[in-house]
């Protein structure tokens, strides 16, 4: 799979709230950062699984639409509009920067 394929598969698993398929796209030592934070918000697949298990459980109407996507080498940058997060009716936008190596997401940087 190309980095674009990985990013798309991750989006589709997120929208289905399919925790196993979602987590299968992350490396064992993957990290999730808020842009500019000195340390990751989640580090390692177990922490990522728990973060998204809680989110998926509390967000039955969770859905993300990619407004724009740019890919360069191993990076994919998505501008997403998310609805239904934690039951919130108001949509919001987020920029997600995925670093992908060997068909797995190694690092994500979120800009909120």
PDB file of N, CA and C in Angstrom:
ATOM      1  N   UNK A   1       0.843  -1.180   0.000  1.00  0.00           N
ATOM      2  CA  UNK A   1       0.000   0.000   0.000  1.00  0.00           C
ATOM      3  C   UNK A   1       0.891   1.248   0.000  1.00  0.00           C
ATOM      4  N   UNK A   2       0.432   2.252  -0.697  1.00  0.00           N
ATOM      5  CA  UNK A   2       1.112   3.536  -0.689  1.00  0.00           C
ATOM      6  C   UNK A   2       0.701   4.314   0.565  1.00  0.00           C
ATOM      7  N   UNK A   3       1.434   5.372   0.917  1.00  0.00           N
ATOM      8  CA  UNK A   3       0.985   6.202   2.043  1.00  0.00           C
ATOM      9  C   UNK A   3      -0.448   6.714   1.859  1.00  0.00           C
ATOM     10  N   UNK A   4      -0.845   7.054   0.639  1.00  0.00           N
ATOM     11  CA  UNK A   4      -2.225   7.483   0.391  1.00  0.00           C
ATOM     12  C   UNK A   4      -3.218   6.368   0.712  1.00  0.00           C
ATOM     13  N   UNK A   5      -2.886   5.149   0.319  1.00  0.00           N
ATOM     14  CA  UNK A   5      -3.754   4.000   0.609  1.00  0.00           C
ATOM     15  C   UNK A   5      -3.906   3.796   2.120  1.00  0.00           C
ATOM     16  N   UNK A   6      -2.806   3.934   2.848  1.00  0.00           N
ATOM     17  CA  UNK A   6      -2.839   3.764   4.301  1.00  0.00           C
ATOM     18  C   UNK A   6      -3.718   4.838   4.937  1.00  0.00           C
ATOM     19  N   UNK A   7      -3.533   6.093   4.516  1.00  0.00           N
ATOM     20  CA  UNK A   7      -4.343   7.189   5.064  1.00  0.00           C
ATOM     21  C   UNK A   7      -5.825   6.969   4.767  1.00  0.00           C
ATOM     22  N   UNK A   8      -6.139   6.508   3.572  1.00  0.00           N
ATOM     23  CA  UNK A   8      -7.538   6.271   3.212  1.00  0.00           C
ATOM     24  C   UNK A   8      -8.131   5.111   4.017  1.00  0.00           C
ATOM     25  N   UNK A   9      -7.355   4.040   4.170  1.00  0.00           N
ATOM     26  CA  UNK A   9      -7.835   2.897   4.956  1.00  0.00           C
ATOM     27  C   UNK A   9      -8.067   3.295   6.417  1.00  0.00           C
ATOM     28  N   UNK A  10      -7.198   4.131   6.963  1.00  0.00           N
ATOM     29  CA  UNK A  10      -7.354   4.620   8.330  1.00  0.00           C
ATOM     30  C   UNK A  10      -8.626   5.450   8.448  1.00  0.00           C
ATOM     31  N   UNK A  11      -8.889   6.327   7.490  1.00  0.00           N
ATOM     32  CA  UNK A  11     -10.106   7.144   7.496  1.00  0.00           C
ATOM     33  C   UNK A  11     -11.355   6.265   7.453  1.00  0.00           C
ATOM     34  N   UNK A  12     -11.346   5.266   6.592  1.00  0.00           N
ATOM     35  CA  UNK A  12     -12.510   4.388   6.457  1.00  0.00           C
ATOM     36  C   UNK A  12     -12.751   3.593   7.748  1.00  0.00           C
ATOM     37  N   UNK A  13     -11.682   3.094   8.383  1.00  0.00           N
ATOM     38  CA  UNK A  13     -11.830   2.361   9.642  1.00  0.00           C
ATOM     39  C   UNK A  13     -12.332   3.296  10.742  1.00  0.00           C
ATOM     40  N   UNK A  14     -11.841   4.525  10.763  1.00  0.00           N
ATOM     41  CA  UNK A  14     -12.294   5.536  11.732  1.00  0.00           C
ATOM     42  C   UNK A  14     -13.786   5.775  11.570  1.00  0.00           C
ATOM     43  N   UNK A  15     -14.229   5.959  10.333  1.00  0.00           N
ATOM     44  CA  UNK A  15     -15.649   6.237  10.083  1.00  0.00           C
ATOM     45  C   UNK A  15     -16.547   5.048  10.410  1.00  0.00           C
ATOM     46  N   UNK A  16     -16.018   3.844  10.330  1.00  0.00           N
ATOM     47  CA  UNK A  16     -16.781   2.644  10.731  1.00  0.00           C
ATOM     48  C   UNK A  16     -16.667   2.396  12.234  1.00  0.00           C
ATOM     49  N   UNK A  17     -15.770   3.137  12.884  1.00  0.00           N
ATOM     50  CA  UNK A  17     -15.448   2.917  14.288  1.00  0.00           C
ATOM     51  C   UNK A  17     -14.993   1.466  14.504  1.00  0.00           C
ATOM     52  N   UNK A  18     -14.186   1.001  13.561  1.00  0.00           N
ATOM     53  CA  UNK A  18     -13.653  -0.366  13.583  1.00  0.00           C
ATOM     54  C   UNK A  18     -12.272  -0.313  14.237  1.00  0.00           C
ATOM     55  N   UNK A  19     -12.250  -0.517  15.536  1.00  0.00           N
ATOM     56  CA  UNK A  19     -11.028  -0.345  16.313  1.00  0.00           C
ATOM     57  C   UNK A  19      -9.903  -1.265  15.843  1.00  0.00           C
ATOM     58  N   UNK A  20     -10.204  -2.516  15.544  1.00  0.00           N
ATOM     59  CA  UNK A  20      -9.154  -3.450  15.124  1.00  0.00           C
ATOM     60  C   UNK A  20      -8.553  -3.043  13.785  1.00  0.00           C
ATOM     61  N   UNK A  21      -9.385  -2.717  12.817  1.00  0.00           N
ATOM     62  CA  UNK A  21      -8.882  -2.298  11.509  1.00  0.00           C
ATOM     63  C   UNK A  21      -8.110  -0.983  11.621  1.00  0.00           C
ATOM     64  N   UNK A  22      -8.607  -0.079  12.443  1.00  0.00           N
ATOM     65  CA  UNK A  22      -7.958   1.218  12.652  1.00  0.00           C
ATOM     66  C   UNK A  22      -6.561   1.011  13.247  1.00  0.00           C
ATOM     67  N   UNK A  23      -6.479   0.248  14.324  1.00  0.00           N
ATOM     68  CA  UNK A  23      -5.205   0.049  15.011  1.00  0.00           C
ATOM     69  C   UNK A  23      -4.215  -0.771  14.187  1.00  0.00           C
ATOM     70  N   UNK A  24      -4.704  -1.616  13.303  1.00  0.00           N
ATOM     71  CA  UNK A  24      -3.824  -2.427  12.455  1.00  0.00           C
ATOM     72  C   UNK A  24      -2.984  -1.575  11.516  1.00  0.00           C
ATOM     73  N   UNK A  25      -3.363  -0.316  11.334  1.00  0.00           N
ATOM     74  CA  UNK A  25      -2.635   0.576  10.427  1.00  0.00           C
ATOM     75  C   UNK A  25      -1.555   1.385  11.132  1.00  0.00           C
ATOM     76  N   UNK A  26      -1.408   1.194  12.453  1.00  0.00           N
ATOM     77  CA  UNK A  26      -0.410   1.907  13.236  1.00  0.00           C
ATOM     78  C   UNK A  26       0.732   0.971  13.613  1.00  0.00           C
ATOM     79  N   UNK A  27       1.948   1.517  13.608  1.00  0.00           N
ATOM     80  CA  UNK A  27       3.118   0.768  14.066  1.00  0.00           C
ATOM     81  C   UNK A  27       3.018   0.550  15.574  1.00  0.00           C
ATOM     82  N   UNK A  28       3.698  -0.464  16.065  1.00  0.00           N
ATOM     83  CA  UNK A  28       3.646  -0.793  17.493  1.00  0.00           C
ATOM     84  C   UNK A  28       4.079   0.380  18.375  1.00  0.00           C
ATOM     85  N   UNK A  29       5.029   1.159  17.910  1.00  0.00           N
ATOM     86  CA  UNK A  29       5.550   2.279  18.703  1.00  0.00           C
ATOM     87  C   UNK A  29       5.098   3.632  18.146  1.00  0.00           C
ATOM     88  N   UNK A  30       3.959   3.650  17.477  1.00  0.00           N
ATOM     89  CA  UNK A  30       3.444   4.894  16.891  1.00  0.00           C
ATOM     90  C   UNK A  30       3.183   5.928  17.976  1.00  0.00           C
ATOM     91  N   UNK A  31       3.220   7.199  17.557  1.00  0.00           N
ATOM     92  CA  UNK A  31       2.970   8.303  18.477  1.00  0.00           C
ATOM     93  C   UNK A  31       1.978   9.272  17.870  1.00  0.00           C
ATOM     94  N   UNK A  32       1.159   9.865  18.745  1.00  0.00           N
ATOM     95  CA  UNK A  32       0.212  10.900  18.336  1.00  0.00           C
ATOM     96  C   UNK A  32       0.562  12.168  19.107  1.00  0.00           C
ATOM     97  N   UNK A  33       0.774  13.250  18.363  1.00  0.00           N
ATOM     98  CA  UNK A  33       1.145  14.533  18.939  1.00  0.00           C
ATOM     99  C   UNK A  33       0.100  15.593  18.621  1.00  0.00           C
ATOM    100  N   UNK A  34      -0.037  16.540  19.518  1.00  0.00           N
ATOM    101  CA  UNK A  34      -0.684  17.807  19.206  1.00  0.00           C
ATOM    102  C   UNK A  34       0.473  18.682  18.717  1.00  0.00           C
ATOM    103  N   UNK A  35       0.328  19.328  17.580  1.00  0.00           N
ATOM    104  CA  UNK A  35       1.433  20.082  17.001  1.00  0.00           C
ATOM    105  C   UNK A  35       2.031  21.049  18.021  1.00  0.00           C
ATOM    106  N   UNK A  36       3.332  20.982  18.159  1.00  0.00           N
ATOM    107  CA  UNK A  36       4.051  21.855  19.073  1.00  0.00           C
ATOM    108  C   UNK A  36       4.232  21.300  20.463  1.00  0.00           C
ATOM    109  N   UNK A  37       3.540  20.230  20.804  1.00  0.00           N
ATOM    110  CA  UNK A  37       3.684  19.635  22.130  1.00  0.00           C
ATOM    111  C   UNK A  37       5.039  18.935  22.232  1.00  0.00           C
ATOM    112  N   UNK A  38       5.702  19.050  23.371  1.00  0.00           N
ATOM    113  CA  UNK A  38       7.023  18.426  23.510  1.00  0.00           C
ATOM    114  C   UNK A  38       6.978  16.905  23.661  1.00  0.00           C
ATOM    115  N   UNK A  39       5.843  16.367  24.077  1.00  0.00           N
ATOM    116  CA  UNK A  39       5.730  14.919  24.230  1.00  0.00           C
ATOM    117  C   UNK A  39       4.413  14.457  23.607  1.00  0.00           C
ATOM    118  N   UNK A  40       4.355  13.193  23.230  1.00  0.00           N
ATOM    119  CA  UNK A  40       3.146  12.696  22.570  1.00  0.00           C
ATOM    120  C   UNK A  40       1.942  12.622  23.506  1.00  0.00           C
ATOM    121  N   UNK A  41       0.756  12.833  22.926  1.00  0.00           N
ATOM    122  CA  UNK A  41      -0.502  12.658  23.656  1.00  0.00           C
ATOM    123  C   UNK A  41      -0.775  11.172  23.864  1.00  0.00           C
ATOM    124  N   UNK A  42      -0.343  10.361  22.914  1.00  0.00           N
ATOM    125  CA  UNK A  42      -0.451   8.895  23.004  1.00  0.00           C
ATOM    126  C   UNK A  42       0.812   8.303  22.403  1.00  0.00           C
ATOM    127  N   UNK A  43       1.346   7.293  23.066  1.00  0.00           N
ATOM    128  CA  UNK A  43       2.572   6.658  22.603  1.00  0.00           C
ATOM    129  C   UNK A  43       2.425   5.144  22.720  1.00  0.00           C
ATOM    130  N   UNK A  44       2.591   4.464  21.597  1.00  0.00           N
ATOM    131  CA  UNK A  44       2.474   3.011  21.565  1.00  0.00           C
ATOM    132  C   UNK A  44       1.067   2.564  21.204  1.00  0.00           C
ATOM    133  N   UNK A  45       0.983   1.414  20.595  1.00  0.00           N
ATOM    134  CA  UNK A  45      -0.300   0.943  20.075  1.00  0.00           C
ATOM    135  C   UNK A  45      -1.315   0.695  21.193  1.00  0.00           C
ATOM    136  N   UNK A  46      -0.880   0.278  22.369  1.00  0.00           N
ATOM    137  CA  UNK A  46      -1.834   0.048  23.463  1.00  0.00           C
ATOM    138  C   UNK A  46      -2.504   1.359  23.875  1.00  0.00           C
ATOM    139  N   UNK A  47      -1.738   2.440  23.970  1.00  0.00           N
ATOM    140  CA  UNK A  47      -2.302   3.745  24.337  1.00  0.00           C
ATOM    141  C   UNK A  47      -3.199   4.285  23.227  1.00  0.00           C
ATOM    142  N   UNK A  48      -2.797   4.072  21.983  1.00  0.00           N
ATOM    143  CA  UNK A  48      -3.621   4.523  20.853  1.00  0.00           C
ATOM    144  C   UNK A  48      -4.919   3.741  20.826  1.00  0.00           C
ATOM    145  N   UNK A  49      -4.857   2.448  21.046  1.00  0.00           N
ATOM    146  CA  UNK A  49      -6.066   1.608  21.077  1.00  0.00           C
ATOM    147  C   UNK A  49      -7.028   2.103  22.163  1.00  0.00           C
ATOM    148  N   UNK A  50      -6.521   2.385  23.348  1.00  0.00           N
ATOM    149  CA  UNK A  50      -7.381   2.838  24.438  1.00  0.00           C
ATOM    150  C   UNK A  50      -7.984   4.208  24.124  1.00  0.00           C
ATOM    151  N   UNK A  51      -7.187   5.109  23.581  1.00  0.00           N
ATOM    152  CA  UNK A  51      -7.674   6.455  23.214  1.00  0.00           C
ATOM    153  C   UNK A  51      -8.853   6.350  22.253  1.00  0.00           C
ATOM    154  N   UNK A  52      -8.702   5.531  21.212  1.00  0.00           N
ATOM    155  CA  UNK A  52      -9.748   5.423  20.199  1.00  0.00           C
ATOM    156  C   UNK A  52     -10.882   4.496  20.631  1.00  0.00           C
ATOM    157  N   UNK A  53     -10.621   3.541  21.499  1.00  0.00           N
ATOM    158  CA  UNK A  53     -11.706   2.722  22.044  1.00  0.00           C
ATOM    159  C   UNK A  53     -12.691   3.619  22.784  1.00  0.00           C
ATOM    160  N   UNK A  54     -12.157   4.500  23.615  1.00  0.00           N
ATOM    161  CA  UNK A  54     -13.005   5.438  24.356  1.00  0.00           C
ATOM    162  C   UNK A  54     -13.745   6.384  23.412  1.00  0.00           C
ATOM    163  N   UNK A  55     -13.038   6.918  22.424  1.00  0.00           N
ATOM    164  CA  UNK A  55     -13.664   7.841  21.473  1.00  0.00           C
ATOM    165  C   UNK A  55     -14.770   7.145  20.689  1.00  0.00           C
ATOM    166  N   UNK A  56     -14.503   5.974  20.146  1.00  0.00           N
ATOM    167  CA  UNK A  56     -15.506   5.269  19.351  1.00  0.00           C
ATOM    168  C   UNK A  56     -16.722   4.900  20.209  1.00  0.00           C
ATOM    169  N   UNK A  57     -16.488   4.509  21.456  1.00  0.00           N
ATOM    170  CA  UNK A  57     -17.592   4.127  22.338  1.00  0.00           C
ATOM    171  C   UNK A  57     -18.489   5.318  22.681  1.00  0.00           C
ATOM    172  N   UNK A  58     -17.905   6.500  22.780  1.00  0.00           N
ATOM    173  CA  UNK A  58     -18.690   7.684  23.169  1.00  0.00           C
ATOM    174  C   UNK A  58     -19.182   8.494  21.971  1.00  0.00           C
ATOM    175  N   UNK A  59     -18.933   7.997  20.756  1.00  0.00           N
ATOM    176  CA  UNK A  59     -19.253   8.772  19.552  1.00  0.00           C
ATOM    177  C   UNK A  59     -19.950   7.916  18.494  1.00  0.00           C
ATOM    178  N   UNK A  60     -21.198   7.514  18.725  1.00  0.00           N
ATOM    179  CA  UNK A  60     -21.870   6.626  17.774  1.00  0.00           C
ATOM    180  C   UNK A  60     -22.093   7.246  16.393  1.00  0.00           C
ATOM    181  N   UNK A  61     -22.071   8.565  16.300  1.00  0.00           N
ATOM    182  CA  UNK A  61     -22.271   9.235  15.008  1.00  0.00           C
ATOM    183  C   UNK A  61     -20.993   9.856  14.475  1.00  0.00           C
ATOM    184  N   UNK A  62     -19.859   9.389  14.949  1.00  0.00           N
ATOM    185  CA  UNK A  62     -18.567   9.930  14.539  1.00  0.00           C
ATOM    186  C   UNK A  62     -18.368   9.759  13.035  1.00  0.00           C
ATOM    187  N   UNK A  63     -17.956  10.843  12.384  1.00  0.00           N
ATOM    188  CA  UNK A  63     -17.695  10.772  10.947  1.00  0.00           C
ATOM    189  C   UNK A  63     -16.721  11.877  10.553  1.00  0.00           C
ATOM    190  N   UNK A  64     -15.781  11.536   9.695  1.00  0.00           N
ATOM    191  CA  UNK A  64     -14.811  12.497   9.199  1.00  0.00           C
ATOM    192  C   UNK A  64     -14.859  12.523   7.677  1.00  0.00           C
ATOM    193  N   UNK A  65     -14.817  13.733   7.136  1.00  0.00           N
ATOM    194  CA  UNK A  65     -14.762  13.937   5.691  1.00  0.00           C
ATOM    195  C   UNK A  65     -13.468  14.679   5.385  1.00  0.00           C
ATOM    196  N   UNK A  66     -12.710  14.191   4.431  1.00  0.00           N
ATOM    197  CA  UNK A  66     -11.485  14.874   4.025  1.00  0.00           C
ATOM    198  C   UNK A  66     -11.859  16.013   3.086  1.00  0.00           C
ATOM    199  N   UNK A  67     -11.517  17.226   3.507  1.00  0.00           N
ATOM    200  CA  UNK A  67     -11.766  18.408   2.679  1.00  0.00           C
ATOM    201  C   UNK A  67     -10.655  18.610   1.674  1.00  0.00           C
ATOM    202  N   UNK A  68      -9.435  18.260   2.063  1.00  0.00           N
ATOM    203  CA  UNK A  68      -8.297  18.295   1.134  1.00  0.00           C
ATOM    204  C   UNK A  68      -7.253  17.303   1.626  1.00  0.00           C
ATOM    205  N   UNK A  69      -6.516  16.766   0.683  1.00  0.00           N
ATOM    206  CA  UNK A  69      -5.468  15.789   1.007  1.00  0.00           C
ATOM    207  C   UNK A  69      -4.268  16.081   0.125  1.00  0.00           C
ATOM    208  N   UNK A  70      -3.101  16.099   0.760  1.00  0.00           N
ATOM    209  CA  UNK A  70      -1.846  16.285   0.046  1.00  0.00           C
ATOM    210  C   UNK A  70      -0.906  15.179   0.478  1.00  0.00           C
ATOM    211  N   UNK A  71      -0.216  14.591  -0.471  1.00  0.00           N
ATOM    212  CA  UNK A  71       0.757  13.560  -0.151  1.00  0.00           C
ATOM    213  C   UNK A  71       2.099  13.950  -0.751  1.00  0.00           C
ATOM    214  N   UNK A  72       3.142  13.727   0.038  1.00  0.00           N
ATOM    215  CA  UNK A  72       4.491  13.965  -0.430  1.00  0.00           C
ATOM    216  C   UNK A  72       5.400  12.950   0.240  1.00  0.00           C
ATOM    217  N   UNK A  73       6.026  12.118  -0.579  1.00  0.00           N
ATOM    218  CA  UNK A  73       6.911  11.062  -0.076  1.00  0.00           C
ATOM    219  C   UNK A  73       6.151  10.216   0.943  1.00  0.00           C
ATOM    220  N   UNK A  74       6.607  10.213   2.200  1.00  0.00           N
ATOM    221  CA  UNK A  74       5.969   9.358   3.218  1.00  0.00           C
ATOM    222  C   UNK A  74       4.967  10.106   4.083  1.00  0.00           C
ATOM    223  N   UNK A  75       4.654  11.347   3.741  1.00  0.00           N
ATOM    224  CA  UNK A  75       3.725  12.147   4.534  1.00  0.00           C
ATOM    225  C   UNK A  75       2.411  12.347   3.789  1.00  0.00           C
ATOM    226  N   UNK A  76       1.322  12.276   4.547  1.00  0.00           N
ATOM    227  CA  UNK A  76      -0.010  12.587   4.023  1.00  0.00           C
ATOM    228  C   UNK A  76      -0.611  13.624   4.967  1.00  0.00           C
ATOM    229  N   UNK A  77      -1.114  14.709   4.392  1.00  0.00           N
ATOM    230  CA  UNK A  77      -1.700  15.792   5.172  1.00  0.00           C
ATOM    231  C   UNK A  77      -3.172  15.911   4.788  1.00  0.00           C
ATOM    232  N   UNK A  78      -4.040  15.723   5.772  1.00  0.00           N
ATOM    233  CA  UNK A  78      -5.487  15.807   5.556  1.00  0.00           C
ATOM    234  C   UNK A  78      -6.064  16.973   6.337  1.00  0.00           C
ATOM    235  N   UNK A  79      -6.901  17.757   5.673  1.00  0.00           N
ATOM    236  CA  UNK A  79      -7.762  18.714   6.352  1.00  0.00           C
ATOM    237  C   UNK A  79      -9.106  18.023   6.440  1.00  0.00           C
ATOM    238  N   UNK A  80      -9.566  17.775   7.665  1.00  0.00           N
ATOM    239  CA  UNK A  80     -10.776  16.976   7.880  1.00  0.00           C
ATOM    240  C   UNK A  80     -11.848  17.792   8.596  1.00  0.00           C
ATOM    241  N   UNK A  81     -13.092  17.500   8.260  1.00  0.00           N
ATOM    242  CA  UNK A  81     -14.241  18.027   9.008  1.00  0.00           C
ATOM    243  C   UNK A  81     -14.846  16.847   9.751  1.00  0.00           C
ATOM    244  N   UNK A  82     -14.892  16.961  11.067  1.00  0.00           N
ATOM    245  CA  UNK A  82     -15.352  15.870  11.922  1.00  0.00           C
ATOM    246  C   UNK A  82     -16.667  16.252  12.564  1.00  0.00           C
ATOM    247  N   UNK A  83     -17.601  15.319  12.545  1.00  0.00           N
ATOM    248  CA  UNK A  83     -18.888  15.499  13.211  1.00  0.00           C
ATOM    249  C   UNK A  83     -19.111  14.329  14.160  1.00  0.00           C
ATOM    250  N   UNK A  84     -19.942  14.562  15.171  1.00  0.00           N
ATOM    251  CA  UNK A  84     -20.353  13.499  16.082  1.00  0.00           C
ATOM    252  C   UNK A  84     -19.334  13.104  17.127  1.00  0.00           C
ATOM    253  N   UNK A  85     -18.268  13.855  17.270  1.00  0.00           N
ATOM    254  CA  UNK A  85     -17.238  13.495  18.265  1.00  0.00           C
ATOM    255  C   UNK A  85     -17.785  13.700  19.667  1.00  0.00           C
ATOM    256  N   UNK A  86     -17.793  12.639  20.448  1.00  0.00           N
ATOM    257  CA  UNK A  86     -18.310  12.665  21.822  1.00  0.00           C
ATOM    258  C   UNK A  86     -19.720  13.246  21.895  1.00  0.00           C
ATOM    259  N   UNK A  87     -20.531  12.955  20.875  1.00  0.00           N
ATOM    260  CA  UNK A  87     -21.922  13.383  20.861  1.00  0.00           C
ATOM    261  C   UNK A  87     -22.148  14.832  20.473  1.00  0.00           C
ATOM    262  N   UNK A  88     -21.114  15.552  20.138  1.00  0.00           N
ATOM    263  CA  UNK A  88     -21.237  16.968  19.796  1.00  0.00           C
ATOM    264  C   UNK A  88     -21.834  17.129  18.391  1.00  0.00           C
ATOM    265  N   UNK A  89     -22.853  17.954  18.294  1.00  0.00           N
ATOM    266  CA  UNK A  89     -23.519  18.174  17.009  1.00  0.00           C
ATOM    267  C   UNK A  89     -22.738  19.139  16.116  1.00  0.00           C
ATOM    268  N   UNK A  90     -21.894  19.986  16.712  1.00  0.00           N
ATOM    269  CA  UNK A  90     -21.145  20.974  15.942  1.00  0.00           C
ATOM    270  C   UNK A  90     -19.938  20.340  15.259  1.00  0.00           C
ATOM    271  N   UNK A  91     -19.819  20.511  13.946  1.00  0.00           N
ATOM    272  CA  UNK A  91     -18.622  20.005  13.266  1.00  0.00           C
ATOM    273  C   UNK A  91     -17.411  20.886  13.595  1.00  0.00           C
ATOM    274  N   UNK A  92     -16.239  20.306  13.462  1.00  0.00           N
ATOM    275  CA  UNK A  92     -15.011  21.089  13.596  1.00  0.00           C
ATOM    276  C   UNK A  92     -14.004  20.563  12.596  1.00  0.00           C
ATOM    277  N   UNK A  93     -13.000  21.394  12.335  1.00  0.00           N
ATOM    278  CA  UNK A  93     -11.970  21.008  11.381  1.00  0.00           C
ATOM    279  C   UNK A  93     -10.664  20.766  12.109  1.00  0.00           C
ATOM    280  N   UNK A  94      -9.904  19.841  11.554  1.00  0.00           N
ATOM    281  CA  UNK A  94      -8.614  19.478  12.129  1.00  0.00           C
ATOM    282  C   UNK A  94      -7.663  19.170  10.973  1.00  0.00           C
ATOM    283  N   UNK A  95      -6.415  19.510  11.157  1.00  0.00           N
ATOM    284  CA  UNK A  95      -5.378  19.154  10.195  1.00  0.00           C
ATOM    285  C   UNK A  95      -4.620  17.979  10.781  1.00  0.00           C
ATOM    286  N   UNK A  96      -4.525  16.895  10.045  1.00  0.00           N
ATOM    287  CA  UNK A  96      -3.823  15.694  10.490  1.00  0.00           C
ATOM    288  C   UNK A  96      -2.654  15.437   9.548  1.00  0.00           C
ATOM    289  N   UNK A  97      -1.480  15.316  10.116  1.00  0.00           N
ATOM    290  CA  UNK A  97      -0.269  15.047   9.346  1.00  0.00           C
ATOM    291  C   UNK A  97       0.198  13.647   9.731  1.00  0.00           C
ATOM    292  N   UNK A  98       0.147  12.735   8.781  1.00  0.00           N
ATOM    293  CA  UNK A  98       0.503  11.334   9.016  1.00  0.00           C
ATOM    294  C   UNK A  98       1.891  11.061   8.441  1.00  0.00           C
ATOM    295  N   UNK A  99       2.756  10.465   9.258  1.00  0.00           N
ATOM    296  CA  UNK A  99       4.049   9.987   8.790  1.00  0.00           C
ATOM    297  C   UNK A  99       3.936   8.470   8.659  1.00  0.00           C
ATOM    298  N   UNK A 100       4.145   7.977   7.442  1.00  0.00           N
ATOM    299  CA  UNK A 100       3.900   6.568   7.150  1.00  0.00           C
ATOM    300  C   UNK A 100       5.183   5.931   6.624  1.00  0.00           C
ATOM    301  N   UNK A 101       5.588   4.836   7.260  1.00  0.00           N
ATOM    302  CA  UNK A 101       6.759   4.063   6.835  1.00  0.00           C
ATOM    303  C   UNK A 101       6.340   2.603   6.773  1.00  0.00           C
ATOM    304  N   UNK A 102       6.730   1.921   5.715  1.00  0.00           N
ATOM    305  CA  UNK A 102       6.468   0.485   5.638  1.00  0.00           C
ATOM    306  C   UNK A 102       5.007   0.125   5.783  1.00  0.00           C
ATOM    307  N   UNK A 103       4.129   0.926   5.214  1.00  0.00           N
ATOM    308  CA  UNK A 103       2.683   0.681   5.209  1.00  0.00           C
ATOM    309  C   UNK A 103       2.032   0.818   6.588  1.00  0.00           C
ATOM    310  N   UNK A 104       2.711   1.465   7.526  1.00  0.00           N
ATOM    311  CA  UNK A 104       2.142   1.701   8.853  1.00  0.00           C
ATOM    312  C   UNK A 104       2.336   3.156   9.254  1.00  0.00           C
ATOM    313  N   UNK A 105       1.379   3.679   9.991  1.00  0.00           N
ATOM    314  CA  UNK A 105       1.473   5.042  10.507  1.00  0.00           C
ATOM    315  C   UNK A 105       2.425   5.022  11.691  1.00  0.00           C
ATOM    316  N   UNK A 106       3.473   5.826  11.586  1.00  0.00           N
ATOM    317  CA  UNK A 106       4.468   5.903  12.651  1.00  0.00           C
ATOM    318  C   UNK A 106       4.190   7.057  13.609  1.00  0.00           C
ATOM    319  N   UNK A 107       3.672   8.148  13.043  1.00  0.00           N
ATOM    320  CA  UNK A 107       3.461   9.354  13.840  1.00  0.00           C
ATOM    321  C   UNK A 107       2.336  10.157  13.214  1.00  0.00           C
ATOM    322  N   UNK A 108       1.525  10.781  14.084  1.00  0.00           N
ATOM    323  CA  UNK A 108       0.462  11.685  13.647  1.00  0.00           C
ATOM    324  C   UNK A 108       0.645  12.989  14.410  1.00  0.00           C
ATOM    325  N   UNK A 109       0.520  14.092  13.709  1.00  0.00           N
ATOM    326  CA  UNK A 109       0.522  15.419  14.325  1.00  0.00           C
ATOM    327  C   UNK A 109      -0.841  16.044  14.024  1.00  0.00           C
ATOM    328  N   UNK A 110      -1.558  16.459  15.067  1.00  0.00           N
ATOM    329  CA  UNK A 110      -2.833  17.118  14.896  1.00  0.00           C
ATOM    330  C   UNK A 110      -2.670  18.613  15.121  1.00  0.00           C
ATOM    331  N   UNK A 111      -3.308  19.403  14.259  1.00  0.00           N
ATOM    332  CA  UNK A 111      -3.386  20.849  14.415  1.00  0.00           C
ATOM    333  C   UNK A 111      -4.854  21.162  14.579  1.00  0.00           C
ATOM    334  N   UNK A 112      -5.203  21.732  15.730  1.00  0.00           N
ATOM    335  CA  UNK A 112      -6.602  22.029  16.030  1.00  0.00           C
ATOM    336  C   UNK A 112      -6.839  23.506  16.031  1.00  0.00           C
TER     337      UNK A 112
END
